Amino acid sequence: MQGTRASHARSSPPAGVWCFPLRNPVVRERRTRVARRAGFSSSGGNGSIQVIIRALGPTLTQFGVNGALTDPTLALIDGNGNIVASNDNWKNTQQSTIQATGFAPPNDLESAILVTLPNGNYTAIVSGKNGTTGVGLLEVYKVAVAASQ
């Protein structure tokens, strides 16, 4: 994975986290911030890995971050450019399964996707809802290695 790796102190489930600060835009269109992207590769040994991807914005304000995204949206794209999953407001989809992982976003307006991915390359894209801009944080947590089926 690309990004800054930080250890995540949890007793259960054990996981690593890759944090992608989104202060500097990756995509620009006429000097306007459009979206932020972070690429990562999954390799789960026997063919797949379960991850949770979170896009945080409102939570950052409690840590003194000015100009945080007020309502981040999230899309996951595979190596062929296909949309694997997308989310706006994490409680609207997968609420119980995301809560069960212990990685639920702190704010209802933040986005999250829980997915089991076959080994490969992926891109997570964070955008502000309705074209809004701001500072966000994209996190990718390994939840479990899925057995090959």
Protein backbone atom coordinates (compact mmCIF):
# COMPACT_ATOMS: atom_id res chain seq x y z
CA MET A 1 0.00 0.00 0.00
CA GLN A 2 1.09 3.53 -0.58
CA GLY A 3 0.75 6.15 2.12
CA THR A 4 1.94 6.41 5.67
CA ARG A 5 1.56 3.22 7.66
CA ALA A 6 0.65 3.60 11.29
CA SER A 7 0.02 0.90 13.85
CA HIS A 8 -3.53 0.69 15.10
CA ALA A 9 -3.89 -0.14 18.79
CA ARG A 10 -6.88 -2.48 19.08
CA SER A 11 -7.12 -5.76 20.88
CA SER A 12 -9.64 -7.18 18.39
CA PRO A 13 -9.52 -7.35 15.44
CA PRO A 14 -5.81 -6.83 14.74
CA ALA A 15 -5.36 -4.56 11.77
CA GLY A 16 -3.02 -2.13 10.09
CA VAL A 17 -4.08 1.26 8.87
CA TRP A 18 -2.82 3.28 5.97
CA CYS A 19 -3.60 6.97 6.29
CA PHE A 20 -3.78 9.21 3.27
CA PRO A 21 -3.91 12.90 4.18
CA LEU A 22 -5.88 14.71 1.52
CA ARG A 23 -4.66 18.27 1.95
CA ASN A 24 -2.95 18.38 -1.45
CA PRO A 25 -5.24 17.65 -4.38
CA VAL A 26 -4.30 14.86 -6.74
CA VAL A 27 -6.83 15.81 -9.39
CA ARG A 28 -7.16 19.41 -10.50
CA GLU A 29 -9.50 20.94 -12.97
CA ARG A 30 -8.98 24.63 -13.74
CA ARG A 31 -7.33 25.13 -10.35
CA THR A 32 -10.38 23.71 -8.55
CA ARG A 33 -10.06 20.72 -6.26
CA VAL A 34 -12.20 17.91 -7.59
CA ALA A 35 -11.35 14.68 -5.76
CA ARG A 36 -8.59 12.92 -3.86
CA ARG A 37 -7.31 9.48 -4.75
CA ALA A 38 -5.19 6.87 -3.03
CA GLY A 39 -4.06 3.67 -4.69
CA PHE A 40 -3.42 0.43 -2.85
CA SER A 41 -2.81 -3.23 -3.60
CA SER A 42 -4.46 -6.09 -1.77
CA SER A 43 -2.80 -9.44 -1.26
CA GLY A 44 -4.50 -11.89 1.04
CA GLY A 45 -2.35 -14.96 0.62
CA ASN A 46 -5.10 -17.32 -0.53
CA GLY A 47 -6.72 -14.91 -2.91
CA SER A 48 -8.68 -12.23 -1.06
CA ILE A 49 -8.66 -9.81 1.84
CA GLN A 50 -11.41 -8.00 3.73
CA VAL A 51 -10.88 -4.27 4.21
CA ILE A 52 -12.82 -1.30 5.48
CA ILE A 53 -12.20 2.00 3.74
CA ARG A 54 -13.24 5.19 5.51
CA ALA A 55 -13.49 8.80 4.33
CA LEU A 56 -13.49 11.18 7.29
CA GLY A 57 -14.21 14.89 7.31
CA PRO A 58 -16.41 16.23 10.12
CA THR A 59 -14.48 14.23 12.75
CA LEU A 60 -11.29 16.11 11.88
CA THR A 61 -12.63 19.36 13.32
CA GLN A 62 -12.37 17.98 16.87
CA PHE A 63 -8.63 17.63 16.25
CA GLY A 64 -8.25 21.26 15.22
CA VAL A 65 -8.36 20.73 11.44
CA ASN A 66 -9.78 23.81 9.74
CA GLY A 67 -11.75 23.49 6.52
CA ALA A 68 -12.64 19.80 6.92
CA LEU A 69 -14.95 18.22 4.35
CA THR A 70 -18.48 18.48 5.71
CA ASP A 71 -19.89 15.46 3.85
CA PRO A 72 -17.30 13.21 2.16
CA THR A 73 -18.32 10.57 -0.37
CA LEU A 74 -16.28 7.49 -1.23
CA ALA A 75 -15.84 5.31 -4.31
CA LEU A 76 -13.71 2.19 -4.76
CA ILE A 77 -12.38 1.45 -8.25
CA ASP A 78 -10.64 -1.75 -9.36
CA GLY A 79 -7.55 -2.01 -11.57
CA ASN A 80 -9.75 -2.14 -14.69
CA GLY A 81 -11.55 1.10 -13.87
CA ASN A 82 -14.77 -0.54 -12.68
CA ILE A 83 -16.64 0.82 -9.67
CA VAL A 84 -16.53 -1.90 -7.01
CA ALA A 85 -18.52 0.02 -4.39
CA SER A 86 -19.47 3.54 -3.36
CA ASN A 87 -20.89 5.18 -0.26
CA ASP A 88 -22.28 8.45 1.04
CA ASN A 89 -23.14 8.50 4.75
CA TRP A 90 -21.96 5.15 6.08
CA LYS A 91 -25.12 4.35 8.07
CA ASN A 92 -27.18 4.28 4.86
CA THR A 93 -25.57 0.97 3.83
CA GLN A 94 -23.81 -1.81 5.75
CA GLN A 95 -24.43 -0.15 9.13
CA SER A 96 -24.55 -3.32 11.25
CA THR A 97 -21.64 -5.03 9.51
CA ILE A 98 -19.45 -1.93 9.71
CA GLN A 99 -20.28 -1.44 13.39
CA ALA A 100 -19.38 -5.08 14.06
CA THR A 101 -15.83 -4.48 12.79
CA GLY A 102 -15.14 -1.80 15.39
CA PHE A 103 -14.14 0.65 12.63
CA ALA A 104 -17.38 2.61 12.23
CA PRO A 105 -16.76 6.28 11.39
CA PRO A 106 -17.48 8.62 14.30
CA ASN A 107 -19.81 10.90 12.29
CA ASP A 108 -22.94 9.86 10.36
CA LEU A 109 -21.98 12.08 7.39
CA GLU A 110 -18.70 10.24 6.87
CA SER A 111 -18.39 7.37 4.41
CA ALA A 112 -17.24 3.78 4.71
CA ILE A 113 -17.13 0.63 2.61
CA LEU A 114 -16.61 -2.89 3.99
CA VAL A 115 -15.60 -5.22 1.18
CA THR A 116 -13.78 -8.47 0.50
CA LEU A 117 -11.39 -7.87 -2.39
CA PRO A 118 -9.63 -10.36 -4.62
CA ASN A 119 -5.91 -9.70 -4.85
CA GLY A 120 -5.26 -6.76 -7.13
CA ASN A 121 -4.85 -3.01 -7.44
CA TYR A 122 -7.49 -0.55 -6.29
CA THR A 123 -8.10 3.16 -6.08
CA ALA A 124 -10.20 4.81 -3.38
CA ILE A 125 -11.61 8.22 -4.31
CA VAL A 126 -12.89 10.75 -1.78
CA SER A 127 -14.99 13.67 -2.97
CA GLY A 128 -17.04 16.34 -1.26
CA LYS A 129 -20.79 15.86 -1.72
CA ASN A 130 -22.22 18.25 -4.31
CA GLY A 131 -18.72 19.39 -5.31
CA THR A 132 -17.74 20.78 -1.92
CA THR A 133 -14.05 20.96 -1.07
CA GLY A 134 -12.03 20.66 2.09
CA VAL A 135 -9.59 18.58 4.08
CA GLY A 136 -10.31 14.88 4.50
CA LEU A 137 -8.69 11.70 5.69
CA LEU A 138 -8.83 8.43 3.77
CA GLU A 139 -8.11 5.27 5.76
CA VAL A 140 -7.79 1.64 4.64
CA TYR A 141 -7.96 -0.99 7.40
CA LYS A 142 -7.31 -4.68 6.94
CA VAL A 143 -10.14 -6.46 8.76
CA ALA A 144 -9.42 -10.10 7.88
CA VAL A 145 -7.85 -12.36 5.31
CA ALA A 146 -10.62 -14.25 3.57
CA ALA A 147 -10.16 -17.91 2.73
CA SER A 148 -10.06 -18.88 -0.91
CA GLN A 149 -13.37 -20.32 -2.09
